Amino acid sequence: MPSLTRHIRWSSWSIAIVILLGLSLVPPQAVAAERLVGIQGARTLSQSTPWIAQEAGLFSKYNLDFELKYIASSSLVTAAMLSGEAEVGLLGSVGIVQAVTKGATDLVFIGGMKNILTHSILAGSEITRPEDLKGKKIGISRLGSNTHYFVAQVVRRLGLDPTRDVTFIQTGGEPETFAALAGGAIDAATLTAPMDARAVARGFHHVVYGPDLKIPYLATAFVTRRSVMASRPQAVAQFMRVMAEAAKILHTDKELTFKVLAKQLKLDDRQVLEAAYNSEIKALERRLEIKREALEGVLEEVAQTDPKAKGVRLHDLVDRRYLDEMERSGFFERLWAK
């Protein structure tokens, strides 16, 4: 009987060991993927990394079940982030900064894609100089958006008042702004890559070429909530690694990038894609960096209508833990060494 008992105990241990060994051999993909919802604020080259990641299979590589939503309105994006409709976002920064100044301190920037404005103002032959914009209808995506801020900056530099000397027409997004310009509903359009190149191909010209101005501004940033980082730090970390790999592809694999843009924007004109890519890629961050002067530019703009922005510290807006971890661990170095 004792020998039988020892045999039963040994069999139990053997079974347990086999089970543990079997579990250790299960590939990561067999574990349920982390569900993550993201918001994209504009359908542009600078916000194409989620599209690229999907095309390259990076979300499945990092075991993320990712859903991307498109919301053009800054106020609606902010509301969606705060309500929990999405955990991460890739969007312009002004709406988030405005929300933080009003007490929504759960929102935080965790990375950057573009730290200068590269928008341009395009028009037909009837507008030849920037000064000719006075009294004209200028298309922007939304009031409070990057496009709105860019035009306001340009108009002020011309000695004009953006609240009186031009009329802003909200279109909803860059494809819609281009359509309004092409259809004659507006006199000029504020566009970035690749829609500005598409407008040039249709016979419009640059009245103001934004990349030459190099206006510091956090034009495209990665956003999440502090509460999400506290409850799901690994999911956010994996998302940032996906975005880092997608940024590498964006900078080094033009053909895949063009394939994605053709699919997402219904734009397959090679000449337009080349022109857009060559002008915009120089402004896009390789390691998802957020630059101090870019955030200061946003705060200065918000402070013109909300004095509380003057008291906001950069530390209140940014959490660098994921950028620092990718740098410290050698992830960025290995990624760009490939």
C-alpha atoms as a PDB file:
ATOM      1  CA  MET A   1       0.000   0.000   0.000  1.00  0.00           C
ATOM      2  CA  PRO A   2       2.768   2.544   0.820  1.00  0.00           C
ATOM      3  CA  SER A   3       4.360   1.863  -2.559  1.00  0.00           C
ATOM      4  CA  LEU A   4       1.019   2.469  -4.252  1.00  0.00           C
ATOM      5  CA  THR A   5       0.677   5.825  -2.415  1.00  0.00           C
ATOM      6  CA  ARG A   6       4.172   6.877  -3.510  1.00  0.00           C
ATOM      7  CA  HIS A   7       3.293   5.905  -7.062  1.00  0.00           C
ATOM      8  CA  ILE A   8       0.143   8.055  -7.009  1.00  0.00           C
ATOM      9  CA  ARG A   9       2.073  11.030  -5.593  1.00  0.00           C
ATOM     10  CA  TRP A  10       4.783  10.677  -8.212  1.00  0.00           C
ATOM     11  CA  SER A  11       2.203  10.466 -10.975  1.00  0.00           C
ATOM     12  CA  SER A  12       0.538  13.668  -9.756  1.00  0.00           C
ATOM     13  CA  TRP A  13       3.853  15.529  -9.736  1.00  0.00           C
ATOM     14  CA  SER A  14       4.663  14.186 -13.189  1.00  0.00           C
ATOM     15  CA  ILE A  15       1.368  15.439 -14.550  1.00  0.00           C
ATOM     16  CA  ALA A  16       1.896  18.872 -12.983  1.00  0.00           C
ATOM     17  CA  ILE A  17       5.379  19.166 -14.476  1.00  0.00           C
ATOM     18  CA  VAL A  18       4.103  18.179 -17.902  1.00  0.00           C
ATOM     19  CA  ILE A  19       1.350  20.790 -17.688  1.00  0.00           C
ATOM     20  CA  LEU A  20       3.787  23.530 -16.652  1.00  0.00           C
ATOM     21  CA  LEU A  21       6.196  22.613 -19.425  1.00  0.00           C
ATOM     22  CA  GLY A  22       3.363  22.657 -21.906  1.00  0.00           C
ATOM     23  CA  LEU A  23       2.266  26.101 -20.813  1.00  0.00           C
ATOM     24  CA  SER A  24       5.790  27.416 -21.117  1.00  0.00           C
ATOM     25  CA  LEU A  25       5.854  26.317 -24.743  1.00  0.00           C
ATOM     26  CA  VAL A  26       2.633  28.140 -25.637  1.00  0.00           C
ATOM     27  CA  PRO A  27       3.535  31.046 -27.956  1.00  0.00           C
ATOM     28  CA  PRO A  28       2.640  34.591 -26.755  1.00  0.00           C
ATOM     29  CA  GLN A  29       0.053  34.872 -29.530  1.00  0.00           C
ATOM     30  CA  ALA A  30      -1.941  32.072 -27.905  1.00  0.00           C
ATOM     31  CA  VAL A  31      -2.559  34.291 -24.880  1.00  0.00           C
ATOM     32  CA  ALA A  32      -5.629  36.486 -25.263  1.00  0.00           C
ATOM     33  CA  ALA A  33      -4.650  39.746 -26.960  1.00  0.00           C
ATOM     34  CA  GLU A  34      -4.927  43.020 -25.063  1.00  0.00           C
ATOM     35  CA  ARG A  35      -7.882  45.029 -26.325  1.00  0.00           C
ATOM     36  CA  LEU A  36      -7.006  48.669 -27.055  1.00  0.00           C
ATOM     37  CA  VAL A  37      -8.999  51.420 -28.769  1.00  0.00           C
ATOM     38  CA  GLY A  38      -7.238  54.399 -30.321  1.00  0.00           C
ATOM     39  CA  ILE A  39      -8.359  57.664 -31.861  1.00  0.00           C
ATOM     40  CA  GLN A  40      -6.839  59.328 -34.904  1.00  0.00           C
ATOM     41  CA  GLY A  41      -7.461  63.064 -35.243  1.00  0.00           C
ATOM     42  CA  ALA A  42      -6.523  63.548 -38.915  1.00  0.00           C
ATOM     43  CA  ARG A  43      -6.098  61.434 -42.011  1.00  0.00           C
ATOM     44  CA  THR A  44      -2.589  62.626 -42.877  1.00  0.00           C
ATOM     45  CA  LEU A  45       0.913  61.286 -43.392  1.00  0.00           C
ATOM     46  CA  SER A  46       1.976  62.359 -39.895  1.00  0.00           C
ATOM     47  CA  GLN A  47      -0.817  60.249 -38.412  1.00  0.00           C
ATOM     48  CA  SER A  48      -0.305  57.211 -40.627  1.00  0.00           C
ATOM     49  CA  THR A  49       1.596  55.022 -38.131  1.00  0.00           C
ATOM     50  CA  PRO A  50      -1.514  53.076 -36.997  1.00  0.00           C
ATOM     51  CA  TRP A  51      -2.315  52.311 -40.656  1.00  0.00           C
ATOM     52  CA  ILE A  52       1.261  51.208 -41.264  1.00  0.00           C
ATOM     53  CA  ALA A  53       1.253  49.060 -38.122  1.00  0.00           C
ATOM     54  CA  GLN A  54      -1.918  47.313 -39.269  1.00  0.00           C
ATOM     55  CA  GLU A  55      -0.542  46.685 -42.750  1.00  0.00           C
ATOM     56  CA  ALA A  56       2.764  45.351 -41.371  1.00  0.00           C
ATOM     57  CA  GLY A  57       1.101  43.077 -38.791  1.00  0.00           C
ATOM     58  CA  LEU A  58       2.687  44.871 -35.851  1.00  0.00           C
ATOM     59  CA  PHE A  59      -0.391  44.817 -33.610  1.00  0.00           C
ATOM     60  CA  SER A  60      -0.576  41.026 -33.771  1.00  0.00           C
ATOM     61  CA  LYS A  61       3.200  40.832 -33.292  1.00  0.00           C
ATOM     62  CA  TYR A  62       2.798  42.651 -29.980  1.00  0.00           C
ATOM     63  CA  ASN A  63      -0.415  40.795 -29.105  1.00  0.00           C
ATOM     64  CA  LEU A  64      -2.716  43.812 -29.291  1.00  0.00           C
ATOM     65  CA  ASP A  65      -6.317  43.698 -30.481  1.00  0.00           C
ATOM     66  CA  PHE A  66      -6.369  47.291 -31.729  1.00  0.00           C
ATOM     67  CA  GLU A  67      -9.299  49.297 -33.066  1.00  0.00           C
ATOM     68  CA  LEU A  68      -8.723  52.712 -34.632  1.00  0.00           C
ATOM     69  CA  LYS A  69     -11.413  55.389 -34.714  1.00  0.00           C
ATOM     70  CA  TYR A  70     -11.294  58.650 -36.652  1.00  0.00           C
ATOM     71  CA  ILE A  71     -12.660  61.799 -35.018  1.00  0.00           C
ATOM     72  CA  ALA A  72     -11.793  65.125 -36.662  1.00  0.00           C
ATOM     73  CA  SER A  73     -13.142  67.500 -34.010  1.00  0.00           C
ATOM     74  CA  SER A  74     -10.697  68.382 -31.222  1.00  0.00           C
ATOM     75  CA  SER A  75     -13.456  68.797 -28.650  1.00  0.00           C
ATOM     76  CA  LEU A  76     -15.023  65.447 -29.565  1.00  0.00           C
ATOM     77  CA  VAL A  77     -11.638  63.701 -29.421  1.00  0.00           C
ATOM     78  CA  THR A  78     -11.012  65.084 -25.934  1.00  0.00           C
ATOM     79  CA  ALA A  79     -14.490  64.069 -24.776  1.00  0.00           C
ATOM     80  CA  ALA A  80     -13.999  60.555 -26.168  1.00  0.00           C
ATOM     81  CA  MET A  81     -10.657  60.183 -24.383  1.00  0.00           C
ATOM     82  CA  LEU A  82     -12.068  61.402 -21.074  1.00  0.00           C
ATOM     83  CA  SER A  83     -15.182  59.230 -21.305  1.00  0.00           C
ATOM     84  CA  GLY A  84     -13.109  56.076 -21.767  1.00  0.00           C
ATOM     85  CA  GLU A  85     -14.202  55.516 -25.354  1.00  0.00           C
ATOM     86  CA  ALA A  86     -10.516  55.183 -26.242  1.00  0.00           C
ATOM     87  CA  GLU A  87      -7.361  54.474 -24.268  1.00  0.00           C
ATOM     88  CA  VAL A  88      -4.822  56.070 -26.623  1.00  0.00           C
ATOM     89  CA  GLY A  89      -4.849  58.743 -29.287  1.00  0.00           C
ATOM     90  CA  LEU A  90      -2.720  60.155 -32.102  1.00  0.00           C
ATOM     91  CA  LEU A  91      -3.788  63.725 -32.641  1.00  0.00           C
ATOM     92  CA  GLY A  92      -3.052  67.432 -32.472  1.00  0.00           C
ATOM     93  CA  SER A  93      -2.248  68.717 -29.022  1.00  0.00           C
ATOM     94  CA  VAL A  94      -4.244  71.902 -28.590  1.00  0.00           C
ATOM     95  CA  GLY A  95      -7.518  70.262 -27.514  1.00  0.00           C
ATOM     96  CA  ILE A  96      -5.736  68.162 -24.907  1.00  0.00           C
ATOM     97  CA  VAL A  97      -3.880  71.192 -23.515  1.00  0.00           C
ATOM     98  CA  GLN A  98      -7.128  73.141 -23.318  1.00  0.00           C
ATOM     99  CA  ALA A  99      -8.727  70.265 -21.405  1.00  0.00           C
ATOM    100  CA  VAL A 100      -5.806  70.059 -18.962  1.00  0.00           C
ATOM    101  CA  THR A 101      -6.023  73.794 -18.215  1.00  0.00           C
ATOM    102  CA  LYS A 102      -9.669  73.222 -17.337  1.00  0.00           C
ATOM    103  CA  GLY A 103      -8.794  70.477 -14.846  1.00  0.00           C
ATOM    104  CA  ALA A 104      -8.728  67.284 -16.954  1.00  0.00           C
ATOM    105  CA  THR A 105      -5.362  66.275 -15.536  1.00  0.00           C
ATOM    106  CA  ASP A 106      -5.876  62.585 -16.326  1.00  0.00           C
ATOM    107  CA  LEU A 107      -4.867  63.330 -19.918  1.00  0.00           C
ATOM    108  CA  VAL A 108      -1.154  63.166 -20.702  1.00  0.00           C
ATOM    109  CA  PHE A 109       1.205  63.163 -23.687  1.00  0.00           C
ATOM    110  CA  ILE A 110       3.450  60.098 -23.945  1.00  0.00           C
ATOM    111  CA  GLY A 111       5.183  60.682 -27.273  1.00  0.00           C
ATOM    112  CA  GLY A 112       5.407  62.936 -30.301  1.00  0.00           C
ATOM    113  CA  MET A 113       5.332  62.477 -34.052  1.00  0.00           C
ATOM    114  CA  LYS A 114       5.670  66.058 -35.294  1.00  0.00           C
ATOM    115  CA  ASN A 115       7.000  69.088 -33.401  1.00  0.00           C
ATOM    116  CA  ILE A 116       6.557  71.783 -36.034  1.00  0.00           C
ATOM    117  CA  LEU A 117       3.660  72.856 -38.205  1.00  0.00           C
ATOM    118  CA  THR A 118       4.008  71.839 -41.834  1.00  0.00           C
ATOM    119  CA  HIS A 119       0.639  73.056 -43.072  1.00  0.00           C
ATOM    120  CA  SER A 120       0.449  75.291 -46.107  1.00  0.00           C
ATOM    121  CA  ILE A 121      -2.160  77.660 -47.495  1.00  0.00           C
ATOM    122  CA  LEU A 122      -3.060  76.960 -51.109  1.00  0.00           C
ATOM    123  CA  ALA A 123      -5.269  78.850 -53.523  1.00  0.00           C
ATOM    124  CA  GLY A 124      -6.051  79.481 -57.157  1.00  0.00           C
ATOM    125  CA  SER A 125      -4.605  82.113 -59.471  1.00  0.00           C
ATOM    126  CA  GLU A 126      -6.730  84.931 -58.033  1.00  0.00           C
ATOM    127  CA  ILE A 127      -4.646  84.899 -54.819  1.00  0.00           C
ATOM    128  CA  THR A 128      -0.959  85.405 -55.520  1.00  0.00           C
ATOM    129  CA  ARG A 129       0.500  86.880 -52.298  1.00  0.00           C
ATOM    130  CA  PRO A 130      -0.107  86.153 -48.591  1.00  0.00           C
ATOM    131  CA  GLU A 131      -1.480  89.707 -48.251  1.00  0.00           C
ATOM    132  CA  ASP A 132      -4.245  88.780 -50.705  1.00  0.00           C
ATOM    133  CA  LEU A 133      -5.744  86.489 -48.058  1.00  0.00           C
ATOM    134  CA  LYS A 134      -7.337  89.502 -46.343  1.00  0.00           C
ATOM    135  CA  GLY A 135     -11.106  89.272 -46.566  1.00  0.00           C
ATOM    136  CA  LYS A 136     -11.002  85.748 -47.974  1.00  0.00           C
ATOM    137  CA  LYS A 137     -12.660  82.499 -46.897  1.00  0.00           C
ATOM    138  CA  ILE A 138     -10.007  80.031 -45.716  1.00  0.00           C
ATOM    139  CA  GLY A 139     -10.822  76.373 -45.208  1.00  0.00           C
ATOM    140  CA  ILE A 140      -9.681  74.663 -42.015  1.00  0.00           C
ATOM    141  CA  SER A 141     -10.658  71.349 -40.461  1.00  0.00           C
ATOM    142  CA  ARG A 142     -12.096  72.749 -37.219  1.00  0.00           C
ATOM    143  CA  LEU A 143     -11.814  75.822 -35.023  1.00  0.00           C
ATOM    144  CA  GLY A 144      -9.158  75.103 -32.408  1.00  0.00           C
ATOM    145  CA  SER A 145      -7.380  72.613 -34.662  1.00  0.00           C
ATOM    146  CA  ASN A 146      -3.795  72.680 -35.929  1.00  0.00           C
ATOM    147  CA  THR A 147      -5.059  74.134 -39.212  1.00  0.00           C
ATOM    148  CA  HIS A 148      -6.808  76.972 -37.366  1.00  0.00           C
ATOM    149  CA  TYR A 149      -3.722  77.737 -35.302  1.00  0.00           C
ATOM    150  CA  PHE A 150      -1.480  77.759 -38.377  1.00  0.00           C
ATOM    151  CA  VAL A 151      -3.633  80.261 -40.261  1.00  0.00           C
ATOM    152  CA  ALA A 152      -3.906  82.460 -37.150  1.00  0.00           C
ATOM    153  CA  GLN A 153      -0.105  82.508 -36.851  1.00  0.00           C
ATOM    154  CA  VAL A 154       0.357  83.377 -40.523  1.00  0.00           C
ATOM    155  CA  VAL A 155      -2.276  86.116 -40.455  1.00  0.00           C
ATOM    156  CA  ARG A 156      -0.735  87.704 -37.351  1.00  0.00           C
ATOM    157  CA  ARG A 157       2.690  87.697 -39.038  1.00  0.00           C
ATOM    158  CA  LEU A 158       1.103  89.662 -41.896  1.00  0.00           C
ATOM    159  CA  GLY A 159      -0.100  92.283 -39.417  1.00  0.00           C
ATOM    160  CA  LEU A 160      -3.711  91.186 -39.765  1.00  0.00           C
ATOM    161  CA  ASP A 161      -6.274  90.161 -37.153  1.00  0.00           C
ATOM    162  CA  PRO A 162      -7.410  86.517 -37.551  1.00  0.00           C
ATOM    163  CA  THR A 163     -10.737  87.305 -35.865  1.00  0.00           C
ATOM    164  CA  ARG A 164     -11.620  90.105 -38.314  1.00  0.00           C
ATOM    165  CA  ASP A 165      -9.541  89.992 -41.465  1.00  0.00           C
ATOM    166  CA  VAL A 166     -10.246  86.440 -42.655  1.00  0.00           C
ATOM    167  CA  THR A 167     -13.223  84.094 -42.493  1.00  0.00           C
ATOM    168  CA  PHE A 168     -12.612  80.551 -41.273  1.00  0.00           C
ATOM    169  CA  ILE A 169     -14.687  77.841 -42.938  1.00  0.00           C
ATOM    170  CA  GLN A 170     -14.797  74.535 -41.048  1.00  0.00           C
ATOM    171  CA  THR A 171     -14.809  71.528 -43.353  1.00  0.00           C
ATOM    172  CA  GLY A 172     -14.298  68.594 -40.960  1.00  0.00           C
ATOM    173  CA  GLY A 173     -11.041  67.155 -42.319  1.00  0.00           C
ATOM    174  CA  GLU A 174      -8.300  67.587 -44.914  1.00  0.00           C
ATOM    175  CA  PRO A 175      -9.950  65.544 -47.700  1.00  0.00           C
ATOM    176  CA  GLU A 176     -13.064  67.667 -47.177  1.00  0.00           C
ATOM    177  CA  THR A 177     -11.007  70.896 -47.219  1.00  0.00           C
ATOM    178  CA  PHE A 178      -9.418  69.850 -50.503  1.00  0.00           C
ATOM    179  CA  ALA A 179     -12.864  69.072 -51.953  1.00  0.00           C
ATOM    180  CA  ALA A 180     -14.153  72.494 -50.848  1.00  0.00           C
ATOM    181  CA  LEU A 181     -11.198  74.202 -52.545  1.00  0.00           C
ATOM    182  CA  ALA A 182     -11.596  72.191 -55.729  1.00  0.00           C
ATOM    183  CA  GLY A 183     -15.323  72.934 -55.758  1.00  0.00           C
ATOM    184  CA  GLY A 184     -14.925  76.678 -55.252  1.00  0.00           C
ATOM    185  CA  ALA A 185     -16.631  76.785 -51.844  1.00  0.00           C
ATOM    186  CA  ILE A 186     -13.574  78.476 -50.269  1.00  0.00           C
ATOM    187  CA  ASP A 187     -10.948  80.904 -51.545  1.00  0.00           C
ATOM    188  CA  ALA A 188      -7.974  79.146 -49.950  1.00  0.00           C
ATOM    189  CA  ALA A 189      -7.303  75.915 -48.108  1.00  0.00           C
ATOM    190  CA  THR A 190      -5.044  74.931 -45.218  1.00  0.00           C
ATOM    191  CA  LEU A 191      -3.560  71.534 -46.030  1.00  0.00           C
ATOM    192  CA  THR A 192      -0.669  69.272 -45.129  1.00  0.00           C
ATOM    193  CA  ALA A 193       0.839  66.204 -46.799  1.00  0.00           C
ATOM    194  CA  PRO A 194      -0.375  64.539 -48.906  1.00  0.00           C
ATOM    195  CA  MET A 195      -3.386  66.758 -49.614  1.00  0.00           C
ATOM    196  CA  ASP A 196      -1.275  69.835 -50.335  1.00  0.00           C
ATOM    197  CA  ALA A 197       0.602  67.935 -53.051  1.00  0.00           C
ATOM    198  CA  ARG A 198      -2.699  66.721 -54.447  1.00  0.00           C
ATOM    199  CA  ALA A 199      -3.940  70.333 -54.639  1.00  0.00           C
ATOM    200  CA  VAL A 200      -0.770  71.393 -56.499  1.00  0.00           C
ATOM    201  CA  ALA A 201      -1.341  68.548 -58.951  1.00  0.00           C
ATOM    202  CA  ARG A 202      -4.827  69.981 -59.586  1.00  0.00           C
ATOM    203  CA  GLY A 203      -3.420  73.397 -60.498  1.00  0.00           C
ATOM    204  CA  PHE A 204      -3.501  75.226 -57.162  1.00  0.00           C
ATOM    205  CA  HIS A 205      -0.381  76.851 -55.745  1.00  0.00           C
ATOM    206  CA  HIS A 206       1.201  77.616 -52.378  1.00  0.00           C
ATOM    207  CA  VAL A 207       0.361  81.072 -51.103  1.00  0.00           C
ATOM    208  CA  VAL A 208       2.159  80.207 -47.860  1.00  0.00           C
ATOM    209  CA  TYR A 209       4.513  77.213 -47.694  1.00  0.00           C
ATOM    210  CA  GLY A 210       4.418  76.163 -44.049  1.00  0.00           C
ATOM    211  CA  PRO A 211       7.534  73.956 -43.800  1.00  0.00           C
ATOM    212  CA  ASP A 212       9.699  77.003 -44.508  1.00  0.00           C
ATOM    213  CA  LEU A 213       8.283  78.832 -41.474  1.00  0.00           C
ATOM    214  CA  LYS A 214       9.248  76.043 -39.023  1.00  0.00           C
ATOM    215  CA  ILE A 215       6.692  77.167 -36.410  1.00  0.00           C
ATOM    216  CA  PRO A 216       7.336  75.140 -33.190  1.00  0.00           C
ATOM    217  CA  TYR A 217       4.153  73.344 -32.206  1.00  0.00           C
ATOM    218  CA  LEU A 218       3.256  69.854 -31.007  1.00  0.00           C
ATOM    219  CA  ALA A 219       1.286  69.147 -34.168  1.00  0.00           C
ATOM    220  CA  THR A 220       0.975  65.366 -33.769  1.00  0.00           C
ATOM    221  CA  ALA A 221       1.257  63.589 -30.426  1.00  0.00           C
ATOM    222  CA  PHE A 222       0.463  60.313 -28.676  1.00  0.00           C
ATOM    223  CA  VAL A 223      -1.974  60.720 -25.793  1.00  0.00           C
ATOM    224  CA  THR A 224      -3.386  58.503 -23.084  1.00  0.00           C
ATOM    225  CA  ARG A 225      -4.841  58.832 -19.588  1.00  0.00           C
ATOM    226  CA  ARG A 226      -2.816  58.501 -16.399  1.00  0.00           C
ATOM    227  CA  SER A 227      -5.476  56.122 -15.076  1.00  0.00           C
ATOM    228  CA  VAL A 228      -4.949  53.829 -18.096  1.00  0.00           C
ATOM    229  CA  MET A 229      -1.196  53.800 -17.506  1.00  0.00           C
ATOM    230  CA  ALA A 230      -1.818  52.868 -13.877  1.00  0.00           C
ATOM    231  CA  SER A 231      -4.232  50.019 -14.644  1.00  0.00           C
ATOM    232  CA  ARG A 232      -2.791  48.734 -17.946  1.00  0.00           C
ATOM    233  CA  PRO A 233       0.843  49.841 -18.160  1.00  0.00           C
ATOM    234  CA  GLN A 234       1.921  46.882 -20.302  1.00  0.00           C
ATOM    235  CA  ALA A 235      -0.766  47.469 -22.936  1.00  0.00           C
ATOM    236  CA  VAL A 236       0.276  51.098 -23.365  1.00  0.00           C
ATOM    237  CA  ALA A 237       3.953  50.081 -23.443  1.00  0.00           C
ATOM    238  CA  GLN A 238       3.236  47.568 -26.214  1.00  0.00           C
ATOM    239  CA  PHE A 239       1.289  50.185 -28.165  1.00  0.00           C
ATOM    240  CA  MET A 240       4.217  52.597 -28.007  1.00  0.00           C
ATOM    241  CA  ARG A 241       6.594  49.903 -29.241  1.00  0.00           C
ATOM    242  CA  VAL A 242       4.234  49.232 -32.138  1.00  0.00           C
ATOM    243  CA  MET A 243       4.218  52.946 -32.974  1.00  0.00           C
ATOM    244  CA  ALA A 244       8.022  53.087 -32.751  1.00  0.00           C
ATOM    245  CA  GLU A 245       8.332  50.208 -35.234  1.00  0.00           C
ATOM    246  CA  ALA A 246       5.738  51.802 -37.502  1.00  0.00           C
ATOM    247  CA  ALA A 247       7.693  55.075 -37.423  1.00  0.00           C
ATOM    248  CA  LYS A 248      10.790  53.160 -38.513  1.00  0.00           C
ATOM    249  CA  ILE A 249       8.849  51.731 -41.472  1.00  0.00           C
ATOM    250  CA  LEU A 250       7.481  55.189 -42.301  1.00  0.00           C
ATOM    251  CA  HIS A 251      11.022  56.551 -42.525  1.00  0.00           C
ATOM    252  CA  THR A 252      12.677  53.622 -44.286  1.00  0.00           C
ATOM    253  CA  ASP A 253      10.076  51.781 -46.392  1.00  0.00           C
ATOM    254  CA  LYS A 254       8.590  54.257 -48.842  1.00  0.00           C
ATOM    255  CA  GLU A 255       6.855  51.585 -50.899  1.00  0.00           C
ATOM    256  CA  LEU A 256       4.869  50.170 -47.987  1.00  0.00           C
ATOM    257  CA  THR A 257       4.022  53.698 -46.845  1.00  0.00           C
ATOM    258  CA  PHE A 258       2.744  54.601 -50.319  1.00  0.00           C
ATOM    259  CA  LYS A 259       0.698  51.397 -50.421  1.00  0.00           C
ATOM    260  CA  VAL A 260      -0.945  52.335 -47.116  1.00  0.00           C
ATOM    261  CA  LEU A 261      -1.654  55.916 -48.195  1.00  0.00           C
ATOM    262  CA  ALA A 262      -3.153  54.713 -51.466  1.00  0.00           C
ATOM    263  CA  LYS A 263      -5.438  52.359 -49.580  1.00  0.00           C
ATOM    264  CA  GLN A 264      -6.492  54.753 -46.805  1.00  0.00           C
ATOM    265  CA  LEU A 265      -6.728  57.990 -48.788  1.00  0.00           C
ATOM    266  CA  LYS A 266      -7.666  56.556 -52.199  1.00  0.00           C
ATOM    267  CA  LEU A 267      -4.587  58.309 -53.528  1.00  0.00           C
ATOM    268  CA  ASP A 268      -2.412  56.401 -55.990  1.00  0.00           C
ATOM    269  CA  ASP A 269      -0.778  59.235 -57.961  1.00  0.00           C
ATOM    270  CA  ARG A 270       2.913  58.408 -57.618  1.00  0.00           C
ATOM    271  CA  GLN A 271       4.050  61.957 -58.303  1.00  0.00           C
ATOM    272  CA  VAL A 272       1.757  63.364 -55.620  1.00  0.00           C
ATOM    273  CA  LEU A 273       2.866  60.738 -53.097  1.00  0.00           C
ATOM    274  CA  GLU A 274       6.543  61.412 -53.791  1.00  0.00           C
ATOM    275  CA  ALA A 275       6.129  65.175 -53.387  1.00  0.00           C
ATOM    276  CA  ALA A 276       4.118  64.799 -50.174  1.00  0.00           C
ATOM    277  CA  TYR A 277       6.481  62.270 -48.642  1.00  0.00           C
ATOM    278  CA  ASN A 278       9.667  64.167 -49.471  1.00  0.00           C
ATOM    279  CA  SER A 279       8.395  67.410 -47.938  1.00  0.00           C
ATOM    280  CA  GLU A 280       6.823  65.917 -44.812  1.00  0.00           C
ATOM    281  CA  ILE A 281       9.166  63.116 -43.750  1.00  0.00           C
ATOM    282  CA  LYS A 282      11.881  65.577 -42.676  1.00  0.00           C
ATOM    283  CA  ALA A 283       9.539  66.950 -39.997  1.00  0.00           C
ATOM    284  CA  LEU A 284       8.532  63.591 -38.504  1.00  0.00           C
ATOM    285  CA  GLU A 285      10.217  62.186 -35.405  1.00  0.00           C
ATOM    286  CA  ARG A 286      12.177  58.936 -35.652  1.00  0.00           C
ATOM    287  CA  ARG A 287      12.063  58.147 -31.908  1.00  0.00           C
ATOM    288  CA  LEU A 288       8.669  59.650 -31.031  1.00  0.00           C
ATOM    289  CA  GLU A 289      10.270  62.604 -29.255  1.00  0.00           C
ATOM    290  CA  ILE A 290       8.346  65.503 -27.680  1.00  0.00           C
ATOM    291  CA  LYS A 291      10.244  68.788 -27.868  1.00  0.00           C
ATOM    292  CA  ARG A 292       9.986  71.448 -25.205  1.00  0.00           C
ATOM    293  CA  GLU A 293       9.616  74.371 -27.602  1.00  0.00           C
ATOM    294  CA  ALA A 294       6.777  72.580 -29.401  1.00  0.00           C
ATOM    295  CA  LEU A 295       4.718  72.301 -26.228  1.00  0.00           C
ATOM    296  CA  GLU A 296       5.562  75.865 -25.276  1.00  0.00           C
ATOM    297  CA  GLY A 297       4.129  76.974 -28.611  1.00  0.00           C
ATOM    298  CA  VAL A 298       0.830  75.263 -27.809  1.00  0.00           C
ATOM    299  CA  LEU A 299       0.694  76.755 -24.308  1.00  0.00           C
ATOM    300  CA  GLU A 300       1.323  80.251 -25.685  1.00  0.00           C
ATOM    301  CA  GLU A 301      -1.538  79.874 -28.134  1.00  0.00           C
ATOM    302  CA  VAL A 302      -3.977  78.506 -25.548  1.00  0.00           C
ATOM    303  CA  ALA A 303      -2.977  81.279 -23.108  1.00  0.00           C
ATOM    304  CA  GLN A 304      -4.376  83.880 -25.518  1.00  0.00           C
ATOM    305  CA  THR A 305      -7.891  82.731 -24.666  1.00  0.00           C
ATOM    306  CA  ASP A 306      -7.272  80.969 -21.341  1.00  0.00           C
ATOM    307  CA  PRO A 307      -4.793  82.718 -18.980  1.00  0.00           C
ATOM    308  CA  LYS A 308      -4.621  79.573 -16.831  1.00  0.00           C
ATOM    309  CA  ALA A 309      -2.394  78.030 -19.494  1.00  0.00           C
ATOM    310  CA  LYS A 310       0.425  80.309 -18.300  1.00  0.00           C
ATOM    311  CA  GLY A 311       0.524  78.358 -15.037  1.00  0.00           C
ATOM    312  CA  VAL A 312       0.712  74.916 -16.627  1.00  0.00           C
ATOM    313  CA  ARG A 313       4.127  73.272 -16.276  1.00  0.00           C
ATOM    314  CA  LEU A 314       5.460  71.004 -18.996  1.00  0.00           C
ATOM    315  CA  HIS A 315       5.742  68.268 -16.350  1.00  0.00           C
ATOM    316  CA  ASP A 316       1.957  68.479 -15.945  1.00  0.00           C
ATOM    317  CA  LEU A 317       1.488  67.563 -19.606  1.00  0.00           C
ATOM    318  CA  VAL A 318       4.096  64.884 -20.371  1.00  0.00           C
ATOM    319  CA  ASP A 319       4.970  61.429 -19.056  1.00  0.00           C
ATOM    320  CA  ARG A 320       8.152  60.108 -20.673  1.00  0.00           C
ATOM    321  CA  ARG A 321       8.238  56.670 -19.063  1.00  0.00           C
ATOM    322  CA  TYR A 322       7.740  54.746 -22.321  1.00  0.00           C
ATOM    323  CA  LEU A 323      10.192  56.839 -24.325  1.00  0.00           C
ATOM    324  CA  ASP A 324      12.773  56.547 -21.551  1.00  0.00           C
ATOM    325  CA  GLU A 325      12.252  52.785 -21.251  1.00  0.00           C
ATOM    326  CA  MET A 326      12.730  52.234 -24.986  1.00  0.00           C
ATOM    327  CA  GLU A 327      15.895  54.330 -24.883  1.00  0.00           C
ATOM    328  CA  ARG A 328      17.273  52.763 -21.695  1.00  0.00           C
ATOM    329  CA  SER A 329      16.565  49.168 -22.732  1.00  0.00           C
ATOM    330  CA  GLY A 330      18.255  49.606 -26.089  1.00  0.00           C
ATOM    331  CA  PHE A 331      14.998  49.079 -27.993  1.00  0.00           C
ATOM    332  CA  PHE A 332      15.457  52.163 -30.167  1.00  0.00           C
ATOM    333  CA  GLU A 333      19.091  51.313 -30.845  1.00  0.00           C
ATOM    334  CA  ARG A 334      18.257  47.756 -31.906  1.00  0.00           C
ATOM    335  CA  LEU A 335      15.297  48.918 -33.975  1.00  0.00           C
ATOM    336  CA  TRP A 336      17.278  51.416 -36.023  1.00  0.00           C
ATOM    337  CA  ALA A 337      20.272  49.102 -36.348  1.00  0.00           C
ATOM    338  CA  LYS A 338      18.228  46.635 -38.407  1.00  0.00           C
END
